[in-house]
C-alpha cells in the first residue's frame, strides 16, 4: 500500500463508501448550482450538453478497452437507458431554471421509492404492503413541496417530479442490465448516448458564451464527470444499503449553494416535505438492503 491509502489509514469499507458518496453529492450539487446560474443567460440544452462533456476524455482514457467494454447482448436497452438519463437531466434542469435548488432537489428524491414500485412489473420483484405505504408517503412528501393548487405554483414545479419518475425507470433498467452487463459497459453506453444526442442538438440551440459562461461549462463538465467516478467508487467500496442513504446529503449541499448564490432559504413546507421524503427513502432503501 502507498502512503495515504484509505485502507492503510484504518478506514473501513463502509466508511470509505460513505465518504465517496458524500463527495459525489457535493459534486452533483455544485454541477446543479452552476447549471442554474448558466441558465440565467443561456439555454437548458447547453447546460445538459455540458453535463455530458466528460464523455470525450473518458473515451480517450478507456480507448484500449472500448471494444471489449462495448460488448452487450442488449444494445437497444442500453441505448434506451441512456436516453432515459438524458431526459431525466433535461427535465431536472428545466425545474432548476424556475425553482429553488433545494426544492427541486428534494422532489427528485421520490426516485428511490418510485424505483421500488417499478421493480414489480418490470423486474418481477415482490414488494410487501409496508413498502407500498412507504412509496405513497414519499409521493405525499413531494406534493407537500410542490403544493398543487397553490396560487404561486409554476408549471415547471412538476418538472423535477417527472425527472424523478424517469430516473426511477433509468434505475430499473440499470438493475435489469446489470444481470448480464458490467457497470462499465452500462456507463459507456449511457455516456455515449447522452454525448451524441446533446451534441446533435447544439447547432440549433447554441447561445453565445462569455468567459464566465465557459467557466460555468467547465465546472458542470468536471463536477458532473467527477460525480460519476466517485459514485462508482462509493458503490464499489460498500453495499448499496450502506451508502445509498447518504445520497440525501445532496439536500444539504443544494441548500448551502442556494443560500450562498441566491440567498434562498427553504420555507417550512419544503423542510417538512424533504423530511418526509428522506425518512421514507432511507426506510425503503434499508428494507431493500435487508431483503437482499
C-alpha atoms as a PDB file:
ATOM      1  CA  UNK A   1       0.000   0.000   0.000  1.00  0.00           C
ATOM      2  CA  UNK A   2       1.107   3.533  -0.628  1.00  0.00           C
ATOM      3  CA  UNK A   3       1.154   6.247   1.957  1.00  0.00           C
ATOM      4  CA  UNK A   4      -2.238   7.912   2.187  1.00  0.00           C
ATOM      5  CA  UNK A   5      -4.127   4.789   1.093  1.00  0.00           C
ATOM      6  CA  UNK A   6      -7.543   4.939   2.854  1.00  0.00           C
ATOM      7  CA  UNK A   7      -7.300   1.281   3.803  1.00  0.00           C
ATOM      8  CA  UNK A   8      -3.898   1.841   5.404  1.00  0.00           C
ATOM      9  CA  UNK A   9      -5.283   4.834   7.232  1.00  0.00           C
ATOM     10  CA  UNK A  10      -7.676   2.483   9.004  1.00  0.00           C
ATOM     11  CA  UNK A  11     -10.919   3.435   7.231  1.00  0.00           C
ATOM     12  CA  UNK A  12     -13.446   0.627   6.957  1.00  0.00           C
ATOM     13  CA  UNK A  13     -15.048  -0.253   3.623  1.00  0.00           C
ATOM     14  CA  UNK A  14     -18.341   1.170   4.837  1.00  0.00           C
ATOM     15  CA  UNK A  15     -16.808   4.482   5.881  1.00  0.00           C
ATOM     16  CA  UNK A  16     -14.868   4.784   2.612  1.00  0.00           C
ATOM     17  CA  UNK A  17     -18.084   4.143   0.677  1.00  0.00           C
ATOM     18  CA  UNK A  18     -19.920   6.781   2.702  1.00  0.00           C
ATOM     19  CA  UNK A  19     -17.164   9.371   2.158  1.00  0.00           C
ATOM     20  CA  UNK A  20     -17.154   8.666  -1.583  1.00  0.00           C
ATOM     21  CA  UNK A  21     -20.946   9.119  -1.666  1.00  0.00           C
ATOM     22  CA  UNK A  22     -20.834  12.396   0.278  1.00  0.00           C
ATOM     23  CA  UNK A  23     -18.197  13.629  -2.197  1.00  0.00           C
ATOM     24  CA  UNK A  24     -20.470  12.555  -5.059  1.00  0.00           C
ATOM     25  CA  UNK A  25     -23.362  14.575  -3.701  1.00  0.00           C
ATOM     26  CA  UNK A  26     -21.146  17.634  -3.179  1.00  0.00           C
ATOM     27  CA  UNK A  27     -20.046  17.428  -6.820  1.00  0.00           C
ATOM     28  CA  UNK A  28     -23.591  16.948  -8.103  1.00  0.00           C
ATOM     29  CA  UNK A  29     -24.794  19.869  -6.016  1.00  0.00           C
ATOM     30  CA  UNK A  30     -22.054  22.060  -7.500  1.00  0.00           C
ATOM     31  CA  UNK A  31     -22.955  20.968 -11.037  1.00  0.00           C
ATOM     32  CA  UNK A  32     -26.624  21.781 -10.425  1.00  0.00           C
ATOM     33  CA  UNK A  33     -25.805  25.168  -8.905  1.00  0.00           C
ATOM     34  CA  UNK A  34     -23.523  26.087 -11.824  1.00  0.00           C
ATOM     35  CA  UNK A  35     -26.200  24.934 -14.250  1.00  0.00           C
ATOM     36  CA  UNK A  36     -28.840  27.111 -12.618  1.00  0.00           C
ATOM     37  CA  UNK A  37     -26.573  30.158 -12.876  1.00  0.00           C
ATOM     38  CA  UNK A  38     -25.761  29.424 -16.531  1.00  0.00           C
ATOM     39  CA  UNK A  39     -29.440  29.108 -17.452  1.00  0.00           C
ATOM     40  CA  UNK A  40     -29.994  32.724 -16.461  1.00  0.00           C
ATOM     41  CA  UNK A  41     -28.366  33.748 -19.752  1.00  0.00           C
ATOM     42  CA  UNK A  42     -28.157  30.540 -21.790  1.00  0.00           C
ATOM     43  CA  UNK A  43     -30.309  27.608 -22.843  1.00  0.00           C
ATOM     44  CA  UNK A  44     -31.217  24.470 -20.933  1.00  0.00           C
ATOM     45  CA  UNK A  45     -29.835  22.477 -23.878  1.00  0.00           C
ATOM     46  CA  UNK A  46     -26.361  23.972 -23.339  1.00  0.00           C
ATOM     47  CA  UNK A  47     -26.363  23.022 -19.677  1.00  0.00           C
ATOM     48  CA  UNK A  48     -27.447  19.459 -20.458  1.00  0.00           C
ATOM     49  CA  UNK A  49     -24.759  19.291 -23.156  1.00  0.00           C
ATOM     50  CA  UNK A  50     -22.151  20.382 -20.632  1.00  0.00           C
ATOM     51  CA  UNK A  51     -23.126  17.537 -18.288  1.00  0.00           C
ATOM     52  CA  UNK A  52     -22.002  15.033 -20.941  1.00  0.00           C
ATOM     53  CA  UNK A  53     -18.705  16.668 -21.917  1.00  0.00           C
ATOM     54  CA  UNK A  54     -16.828  14.302 -19.597  1.00  0.00           C
ATOM     55  CA  UNK A  55     -17.616  11.519 -22.113  1.00  0.00           C
ATOM     56  CA  UNK A  56     -14.927  12.531 -24.607  1.00  0.00           C
ATOM     57  CA  UNK A  57     -11.892  12.458 -22.276  1.00  0.00           C
ATOM     58  CA  UNK A  58     -13.342   9.285 -20.738  1.00  0.00           C
ATOM     59  CA  UNK A  59     -13.377   7.621 -24.168  1.00  0.00           C
ATOM     60  CA  UNK A  60      -9.745   8.611 -24.734  1.00  0.00           C
ATOM     61  CA  UNK A  61      -8.689   7.160 -21.410  1.00  0.00           C
ATOM     62  CA  UNK A  62     -10.602   3.930 -21.997  1.00  0.00           C
ATOM     63  CA  UNK A  63      -9.668   3.621 -25.698  1.00  0.00           C
ATOM     64  CA  UNK A  64      -7.668   0.361 -25.322  1.00  0.00           C
ATOM     65  CA  UNK A  65     -10.648  -1.301 -23.635  1.00  0.00           C
ATOM     66  CA  UNK A  66     -13.531   0.211 -25.601  1.00  0.00           C
ATOM     67  CA  UNK A  67     -14.167  -2.767 -27.878  1.00  0.00           C
ATOM     68  CA  UNK A  68     -14.437  -5.253 -25.029  1.00  0.00           C
ATOM     69  CA  UNK A  69     -16.456  -2.855 -22.856  1.00  0.00           C
ATOM     70  CA  UNK A  70     -18.961  -2.261 -25.663  1.00  0.00           C
ATOM     71  CA  UNK A  71     -19.892  -5.941 -25.885  1.00  0.00           C
ATOM     72  CA  UNK A  72     -23.537  -6.423 -24.885  1.00  0.00           C
ATOM     73  CA  UNK A  73     -26.411  -8.697 -25.859  1.00  0.00           C
ATOM     74  CA  UNK A  74     -28.916  -5.858 -25.419  1.00  0.00           C
ATOM     75  CA  UNK A  75     -27.644  -2.754 -27.186  1.00  0.00           C
ATOM     76  CA  UNK A  76     -31.168  -1.368 -27.707  1.00  0.00           C
ATOM     77  CA  UNK A  77     -31.924  -1.437 -23.995  1.00  0.00           C
ATOM     78  CA  UNK A  78     -28.532   0.077 -23.241  1.00  0.00           C
ATOM     79  CA  UNK A  79     -29.267   2.990 -25.557  1.00  0.00           C
ATOM     80  CA  UNK A  80     -32.799   3.359 -24.188  1.00  0.00           C
ATOM     81  CA  UNK A  81     -31.373   3.651 -20.675  1.00  0.00           C
ATOM     82  CA  UNK A  82     -29.011   6.359 -21.916  1.00  0.00           C
ATOM     83  CA  UNK A  83     -31.997   8.214 -23.386  1.00  0.00           C
ATOM     84  CA  UNK A  84     -33.848   7.949 -20.071  1.00  0.00           C
ATOM     85  CA  UNK A  85     -30.957   9.584 -18.208  1.00  0.00           C
ATOM     86  CA  UNK A  86     -30.705  12.321 -20.827  1.00  0.00           C
ATOM     87  CA  UNK A  87     -34.433  13.080 -20.464  1.00  0.00           C
ATOM     88  CA  UNK A  88     -34.079  12.995 -16.681  1.00  0.00           C
ATOM     89  CA  UNK A  89     -31.320  15.599 -16.838  1.00  0.00           C
ATOM     90  CA  UNK A  90     -33.323  17.789 -19.233  1.00  0.00           C
ATOM     91  CA  UNK A  91     -36.446  17.836 -17.053  1.00  0.00           C
ATOM     92  CA  UNK A  92     -34.353  18.342 -13.923  1.00  0.00           C
ATOM     93  CA  UNK A  93     -32.563  21.392 -15.289  1.00  0.00           C
ATOM     94  CA  UNK A  94     -35.832  22.816 -16.587  1.00  0.00           C
ATOM     95  CA  UNK A  95     -37.023  22.628 -12.999  1.00  0.00           C
ATOM     96  CA  UNK A  96     -33.848  24.331 -11.770  1.00  0.00           C
ATOM     97  CA  UNK A  97     -34.477  27.187 -14.207  1.00  0.00           C
ATOM     98  CA  UNK A  98     -37.691  28.082 -12.373  1.00  0.00           C
ATOM     99  CA  UNK A  99     -37.411  26.733  -8.840  1.00  0.00           C
ATOM    100  CA  UNK A 100     -35.076  26.953  -5.824  1.00  0.00           C
ATOM    101  CA  UNK A 101     -32.215  24.449  -5.748  1.00  0.00           C
ATOM    102  CA  UNK A 102     -33.303  22.799  -2.501  1.00  0.00           C
ATOM    103  CA  UNK A 103     -36.958  22.428  -3.547  1.00  0.00           C
ATOM    104  CA  UNK A 104     -36.155  20.824  -6.899  1.00  0.00           C
ATOM    105  CA  UNK A 105     -33.513  18.567  -5.376  1.00  0.00           C
ATOM    106  CA  UNK A 106     -35.884  17.379  -2.648  1.00  0.00           C
ATOM    107  CA  UNK A 107     -38.621  16.409  -5.110  1.00  0.00           C
ATOM    108  CA  UNK A 108     -36.088  14.380  -7.124  1.00  0.00           C
ATOM    109  CA  UNK A 109     -35.717  12.028  -4.180  1.00  0.00           C
ATOM    110  CA  UNK A 110     -39.054  10.462  -4.961  1.00  0.00           C
ATOM    111  CA  UNK A 111     -36.962   8.388  -7.410  1.00  0.00           C
ATOM    112  CA  UNK A 112     -35.724   5.703  -4.966  1.00  0.00           C
ATOM    113  CA  UNK A 113     -39.235   4.850  -3.786  1.00  0.00           C
ATOM    114  CA  UNK A 114     -40.601   5.012  -7.342  1.00  0.00           C
ATOM    115  CA  UNK A 115     -37.887   2.575  -8.412  1.00  0.00           C
ATOM    116  CA  UNK A 116     -39.149   0.077  -5.859  1.00  0.00           C
ATOM    117  CA  UNK A 117     -42.656   0.382  -7.326  1.00  0.00           C
ATOM    118  CA  UNK A 118     -41.351  -0.193 -10.854  1.00  0.00           C
ATOM    119  CA  UNK A 119     -39.429  -3.285  -9.760  1.00  0.00           C
ATOM    120  CA  UNK A 120     -42.720  -5.191  -9.500  1.00  0.00           C
ATOM    121  CA  UNK A 121     -43.923  -5.083 -13.145  1.00  0.00           C
ATOM    122  CA  UNK A 122     -40.503  -4.833 -14.814  1.00  0.00           C
ATOM    123  CA  UNK A 123     -38.232  -6.981 -12.657  1.00  0.00           C
ATOM    124  CA  UNK A 124     -40.738  -9.412 -11.213  1.00  0.00           C
ATOM    125  CA  UNK A 125     -39.801  -8.471  -7.657  1.00  0.00           C
ATOM    126  CA  UNK A 126     -42.247  -8.647  -4.762  1.00  0.00           C
ATOM    127  CA  UNK A 127     -42.981  -5.587  -2.658  1.00  0.00           C
ATOM    128  CA  UNK A 128     -44.810  -6.075   0.625  1.00  0.00           C
ATOM    129  CA  UNK A 129     -47.645  -3.782   1.784  1.00  0.00           C
ATOM    130  CA  UNK A 130     -45.388  -1.813   4.152  1.00  0.00           C
ATOM    131  CA  UNK A 131     -43.131  -0.823   1.260  1.00  0.00           C
ATOM    132  CA  UNK A 132     -46.152   0.277  -0.767  1.00  0.00           C
ATOM    133  CA  UNK A 133     -47.103   2.518   2.145  1.00  0.00           C
ATOM    134  CA  UNK A 134     -43.577   3.941   2.053  1.00  0.00           C
ATOM    135  CA  UNK A 135     -43.938   4.665  -1.661  1.00  0.00           C
ATOM    136  CA  UNK A 136     -47.201   6.531  -1.120  1.00  0.00           C
ATOM    137  CA  UNK A 137     -45.783   8.522   1.800  1.00  0.00           C
ATOM    138  CA  UNK A 138     -42.786   9.538  -0.332  1.00  0.00           C
ATOM    139  CA  UNK A 139     -45.151  10.815  -3.023  1.00  0.00           C
ATOM    140  CA  UNK A 140     -47.077  12.787  -0.388  1.00  0.00           C
ATOM    141  CA  UNK A 141     -43.788  14.389   0.641  1.00  0.00           C
ATOM    142  CA  UNK A 142     -43.240  15.572  -2.939  1.00  0.00           C
ATOM    143  CA  UNK A 143     -46.758  17.028  -3.058  1.00  0.00           C
ATOM    144  CA  UNK A 144     -46.098  18.931   0.184  1.00  0.00           C
ATOM    145  CA  UNK A 145     -43.141  20.649  -1.519  1.00  0.00           C
ATOM    146  CA  UNK A 146     -44.888  21.273  -4.862  1.00  0.00           C
ATOM    147  CA  UNK A 147     -48.225  22.195  -3.226  1.00  0.00           C
ATOM    148  CA  UNK A 148     -50.519  21.766  -6.258  1.00  0.00           C
ATOM    149  CA  UNK A 149     -53.335  24.279  -6.198  1.00  0.00           C
ATOM    150  CA  UNK A 150     -51.153  26.991  -4.708  1.00  0.00           C
ATOM    151  CA  UNK A 151     -51.647  30.359  -6.352  1.00  0.00           C
ATOM    152  CA  UNK A 152     -47.905  30.754  -6.710  1.00  0.00           C
ATOM    153  CA  UNK A 153     -47.278  27.377  -8.352  1.00  0.00           C
ATOM    154  CA  UNK A 154     -45.485  27.363 -11.700  1.00  0.00           C
ATOM    155  CA  UNK A 155     -45.914  24.639 -14.320  1.00  0.00           C
ATOM    156  CA  UNK A 156     -42.182  23.902 -14.060  1.00  0.00           C
ATOM    157  CA  UNK A 157     -42.677  22.825 -10.436  1.00  0.00           C
ATOM    158  CA  UNK A 158     -43.706  19.427 -11.786  1.00  0.00           C
ATOM    159  CA  UNK A 159     -40.551  19.046 -13.901  1.00  0.00           C
ATOM    160  CA  UNK A 160     -38.468  17.504 -11.075  1.00  0.00           C
ATOM    161  CA  UNK A 161     -41.292  15.059 -10.326  1.00  0.00           C
ATOM    162  CA  UNK A 162     -41.270  13.931 -13.969  1.00  0.00           C
ATOM    163  CA  UNK A 163     -37.466  13.761 -13.771  1.00  0.00           C
ATOM    164  CA  UNK A 164     -37.714  11.597 -10.641  1.00  0.00           C
ATOM    165  CA  UNK A 165     -40.065   9.151 -12.373  1.00  0.00           C
ATOM    166  CA  UNK A 166     -37.785   8.971 -15.423  1.00  0.00           C
ATOM    167  CA  UNK A 167     -34.776   8.423 -13.171  1.00  0.00           C
ATOM    168  CA  UNK A 168     -36.622   5.591 -11.435  1.00  0.00           C
ATOM    169  CA  UNK A 169     -37.147   3.993 -14.873  1.00  0.00           C
ATOM    170  CA  UNK A 170     -33.439   4.547 -15.546  1.00  0.00           C
ATOM    171  CA  UNK A 171     -32.524   2.806 -12.271  1.00  0.00           C
ATOM    172  CA  UNK A 172     -34.852  -0.087 -13.044  1.00  0.00           C
ATOM    173  CA  UNK A 173     -33.266  -0.539 -16.473  1.00  0.00           C
ATOM    174  CA  UNK A 174     -29.816  -0.483 -14.851  1.00  0.00           C
ATOM    175  CA  UNK A 175     -30.798  -3.242 -12.427  1.00  0.00           C
ATOM    176  CA  UNK A 176     -32.123  -5.292 -15.323  1.00  0.00           C
ATOM    177  CA  UNK A 177     -28.990  -4.762 -17.429  1.00  0.00           C
ATOM    178  CA  UNK A 178     -26.662  -5.485 -14.511  1.00  0.00           C
ATOM    179  CA  UNK A 179     -27.784  -9.111 -14.672  1.00  0.00           C
ATOM    180  CA  UNK A 180     -25.750  -9.558 -17.857  1.00  0.00           C
ATOM    181  CA  UNK A 181     -23.521  -6.485 -18.348  1.00  0.00           C
ATOM    182  CA  UNK A 182     -20.784  -4.873 -16.279  1.00  0.00           C
ATOM    183  CA  UNK A 183     -21.115  -1.468 -14.628  1.00  0.00           C
ATOM    184  CA  UNK A 184     -18.511  -0.006 -17.014  1.00  0.00           C
ATOM    185  CA  UNK A 185     -20.420  -1.268 -20.069  1.00  0.00           C
ATOM    186  CA  UNK A 186     -23.592   0.367 -18.768  1.00  0.00           C
ATOM    187  CA  UNK A 187     -21.713   3.609 -18.032  1.00  0.00           C
ATOM    188  CA  UNK A 188     -20.160   3.577 -21.518  1.00  0.00           C
ATOM    189  CA  UNK A 189     -23.467   3.324 -23.367  1.00  0.00           C
ATOM    190  CA  UNK A 190     -25.169   5.849 -21.100  1.00  0.00           C
ATOM    191  CA  UNK A 191     -22.391   8.394 -21.598  1.00  0.00           C
ATOM    192  CA  UNK A 192     -22.103   7.971 -25.370  1.00  0.00           C
ATOM    193  CA  UNK A 193     -25.863   8.238 -25.954  1.00  0.00           C
ATOM    194  CA  UNK A 194     -26.043  11.435 -23.917  1.00  0.00           C
ATOM    195  CA  UNK A 195     -22.968  12.983 -25.549  1.00  0.00           C
ATOM    196  CA  UNK A 196     -24.037  12.176 -29.117  1.00  0.00           C
ATOM    197  CA  UNK A 197     -27.651  13.344 -28.762  1.00  0.00           C
ATOM    198  CA  UNK A 198     -26.798  16.574 -26.951  1.00  0.00           C
ATOM    199  CA  UNK A 199     -24.056  17.267 -29.489  1.00  0.00           C
ATOM    200  CA  UNK A 200     -26.544  16.812 -32.343  1.00  0.00           C
ATOM    201  CA  UNK A 201     -28.905  19.380 -30.807  1.00  0.00           C
ATOM    202  CA  UNK A 202     -26.273  22.024 -30.072  1.00  0.00           C
ATOM    203  CA  UNK A 203     -26.094  23.615 -33.568  1.00  0.00           C
ATOM    204  CA  UNK A 204     -29.767  24.535 -33.193  1.00  0.00           C
ATOM    205  CA  UNK A 205     -29.728  25.566 -29.513  1.00  0.00           C
ATOM    206  CA  UNK A 206     -26.373  27.271 -29.137  1.00  0.00           C
ATOM    207  CA  UNK A 207     -26.230  30.664 -27.471  1.00  0.00           C
ATOM    208  CA  UNK A 208     -23.037  32.763 -27.298  1.00  0.00           C
ATOM    209  CA  UNK A 209     -20.916  32.285 -24.185  1.00  0.00           C
ATOM    210  CA  UNK A 210     -18.702  34.839 -22.491  1.00  0.00           C
ATOM    211  CA  UNK A 211     -15.695  33.955 -20.342  1.00  0.00           C
ATOM    212  CA  UNK A 212     -17.823  33.377 -17.252  1.00  0.00           C
ATOM    213  CA  UNK A 213     -20.181  31.164 -19.262  1.00  0.00           C
ATOM    214  CA  UNK A 214     -17.304  28.962 -20.406  1.00  0.00           C
ATOM    215  CA  UNK A 215     -16.083  28.784 -16.806  1.00  0.00           C
ATOM    216  CA  UNK A 216     -19.517  27.504 -15.736  1.00  0.00           C
ATOM    217  CA  UNK A 217     -19.487  24.994 -18.603  1.00  0.00           C
ATOM    218  CA  UNK A 218     -16.152  23.719 -17.306  1.00  0.00           C
ATOM    219  CA  UNK A 219     -17.460  23.466 -13.730  1.00  0.00           C
ATOM    220  CA  UNK A 220     -20.521  21.500 -14.878  1.00  0.00           C
ATOM    221  CA  UNK A 221     -18.437  19.118 -17.005  1.00  0.00           C
ATOM    222  CA  UNK A 222     -15.776  18.491 -14.356  1.00  0.00           C
ATOM    223  CA  UNK A 223     -18.135  18.100 -11.403  1.00  0.00           C
ATOM    224  CA  UNK A 224     -20.658  16.035 -13.383  1.00  0.00           C
ATOM    225  CA  UNK A 225     -17.983  13.684 -14.690  1.00  0.00           C
ATOM    226  CA  UNK A 226     -16.278  13.543 -11.302  1.00  0.00           C
ATOM    227  CA  UNK A 227     -19.568  12.585  -9.662  1.00  0.00           C
ATOM    228  CA  UNK A 228     -19.904   9.600 -11.992  1.00  0.00           C
ATOM    229  CA  UNK A 229     -16.451   8.403 -10.957  1.00  0.00           C
ATOM    230  CA  UNK A 230     -16.948   8.907  -7.216  1.00  0.00           C
ATOM    231  CA  UNK A 231     -20.357   7.218  -7.287  1.00  0.00           C
ATOM    232  CA  UNK A 232     -18.812   4.117  -8.884  1.00  0.00           C
ATOM    233  CA  UNK A 233     -16.160   4.191  -6.138  1.00  0.00           C
ATOM    234  CA  UNK A 234     -18.851   4.522  -3.460  1.00  0.00           C
ATOM    235  CA  UNK A 235     -20.891   1.533  -4.605  1.00  0.00           C
ATOM    236  CA  UNK A 236     -17.699  -0.438  -5.192  1.00  0.00           C
ATOM    237  CA  UNK A 237     -16.483   0.152  -1.627  1.00  0.00           C
ATOM    238  CA  UNK A 238     -19.622  -0.732   0.336  1.00  0.00           C
ATOM    239  CA  UNK A 239     -23.086  -2.309  -0.074  1.00  0.00           C
ATOM    240  CA  UNK A 240     -25.914  -0.218  -1.509  1.00  0.00           C
ATOM    241  CA  UNK A 241     -27.841  -0.288   1.773  1.00  0.00           C
ATOM    242  CA  UNK A 242     -24.857   1.379   3.488  1.00  0.00           C
ATOM    243  CA  UNK A 243     -24.089   4.172   1.015  1.00  0.00           C
ATOM    244  CA  UNK A 244     -27.440   4.907  -0.684  1.00  0.00           C
ATOM    245  CA  UNK A 245     -28.975   6.751   2.302  1.00  0.00           C
ATOM    246  CA  UNK A 246     -26.123   9.264   2.100  1.00  0.00           C
ATOM    247  CA  UNK A 247     -27.355  10.339  -1.336  1.00  0.00           C
ATOM    248  CA  UNK A 248     -29.729  12.525   0.639  1.00  0.00           C
ATOM    249  CA  UNK A 249     -26.820  14.699   1.760  1.00  0.00           C
ATOM    250  CA  UNK A 250     -27.204  16.454  -1.601  1.00  0.00           C
ATOM    251  CA  UNK A 251     -30.120  18.292   0.041  1.00  0.00           C
ATOM    252  CA  UNK A 252     -27.648  19.914   2.432  1.00  0.00           C
ATOM    253  CA  UNK A 253     -25.348  20.889  -0.440  1.00  0.00           C
ATOM    254  CA  UNK A 254     -28.264  22.218  -2.523  1.00  0.00           C
ATOM    255  CA  UNK A 255     -29.484  24.300   0.403  1.00  0.00           C
ATOM    256  CA  UNK A 256     -25.977  25.658   1.024  1.00  0.00           C
ATOM    257  CA  UNK A 257     -25.333  26.501  -2.633  1.00  0.00           C
ATOM    258  CA  UNK A 258     -28.792  28.052  -2.983  1.00  0.00           C
ATOM    259  CA  UNK A 259     -28.223  30.252   0.042  1.00  0.00           C
ATOM    260  CA  UNK A 260     -24.703  31.321  -0.977  1.00  0.00           C
ATOM    261  CA  UNK A 261     -25.593  32.134  -4.592  1.00  0.00           C
ATOM    262  CA  UNK A 262     -29.215  33.293  -4.400  1.00  0.00           C
ATOM    263  CA  UNK A 263     -29.950  33.808  -0.721  1.00  0.00           C
ATOM    264  CA  UNK A 264     -32.589  31.060  -0.989  1.00  0.00           C
ATOM    265  CA  UNK A 265     -33.905  29.736   2.319  1.00  0.00           C
ATOM    266  CA  UNK A 266     -36.300  26.756   2.117  1.00  0.00           C
ATOM    267  CA  UNK A 267     -39.702  27.514   3.653  1.00  0.00           C
ATOM    268  CA  UNK A 268     -41.272  25.355   6.340  1.00  0.00           C
ATOM    269  CA  UNK A 269     -43.314  23.287   3.850  1.00  0.00           C
ATOM    270  CA  UNK A 270     -40.216  22.453   1.810  1.00  0.00           C
ATOM    271  CA  UNK A 271     -38.469  21.377   5.021  1.00  0.00           C
ATOM    272  CA  UNK A 272     -41.436  19.200   6.049  1.00  0.00           C
ATOM    273  CA  UNK A 273     -41.718  17.619   2.615  1.00  0.00           C
ATOM    274  CA  UNK A 274     -37.980  16.985   2.441  1.00  0.00           C
ATOM    275  CA  UNK A 275     -38.003  15.269   5.838  1.00  0.00           C
ATOM    276  CA  UNK A 276     -40.920  13.056   4.750  1.00  0.00           C
ATOM    277  CA  UNK A 277     -39.151  12.055   1.525  1.00  0.00           C
ATOM    278  CA  UNK A 278     -35.756  11.489   3.159  1.00  0.00           C
ATOM    279  CA  UNK A 279     -37.072   9.397   6.052  1.00  0.00           C
ATOM    280  CA  UNK A 280     -39.264   7.345   3.717  1.00  0.00           C
ATOM    281  CA  UNK A 281     -36.452   6.872   1.214  1.00  0.00           C
ATOM    282  CA  UNK A 282     -33.960   5.729   3.827  1.00  0.00           C
ATOM    283  CA  UNK A 283     -36.541   3.318   5.264  1.00  0.00           C
ATOM    284  CA  UNK A 284     -37.293   1.809   1.837  1.00  0.00           C
ATOM    285  CA  UNK A 285     -33.583   1.511   1.000  1.00  0.00           C
ATOM    286  CA  UNK A 286     -32.908  -0.188   4.320  1.00  0.00           C
ATOM    287  CA  UNK A 287     -35.806  -2.568   3.717  1.00  0.00           C
ATOM    288  CA  UNK A 288     -34.439  -3.449   0.293  1.00  0.00           C
ATOM    289  CA  UNK A 289     -30.984  -3.985   1.794  1.00  0.00           C
ATOM    290  CA  UNK A 290     -32.400  -6.307   4.434  1.00  0.00           C
ATOM    291  CA  UNK A 291     -34.334  -8.231   1.760  1.00  0.00           C
ATOM    292  CA  UNK A 292     -31.195  -8.802  -0.326  1.00  0.00           C
END
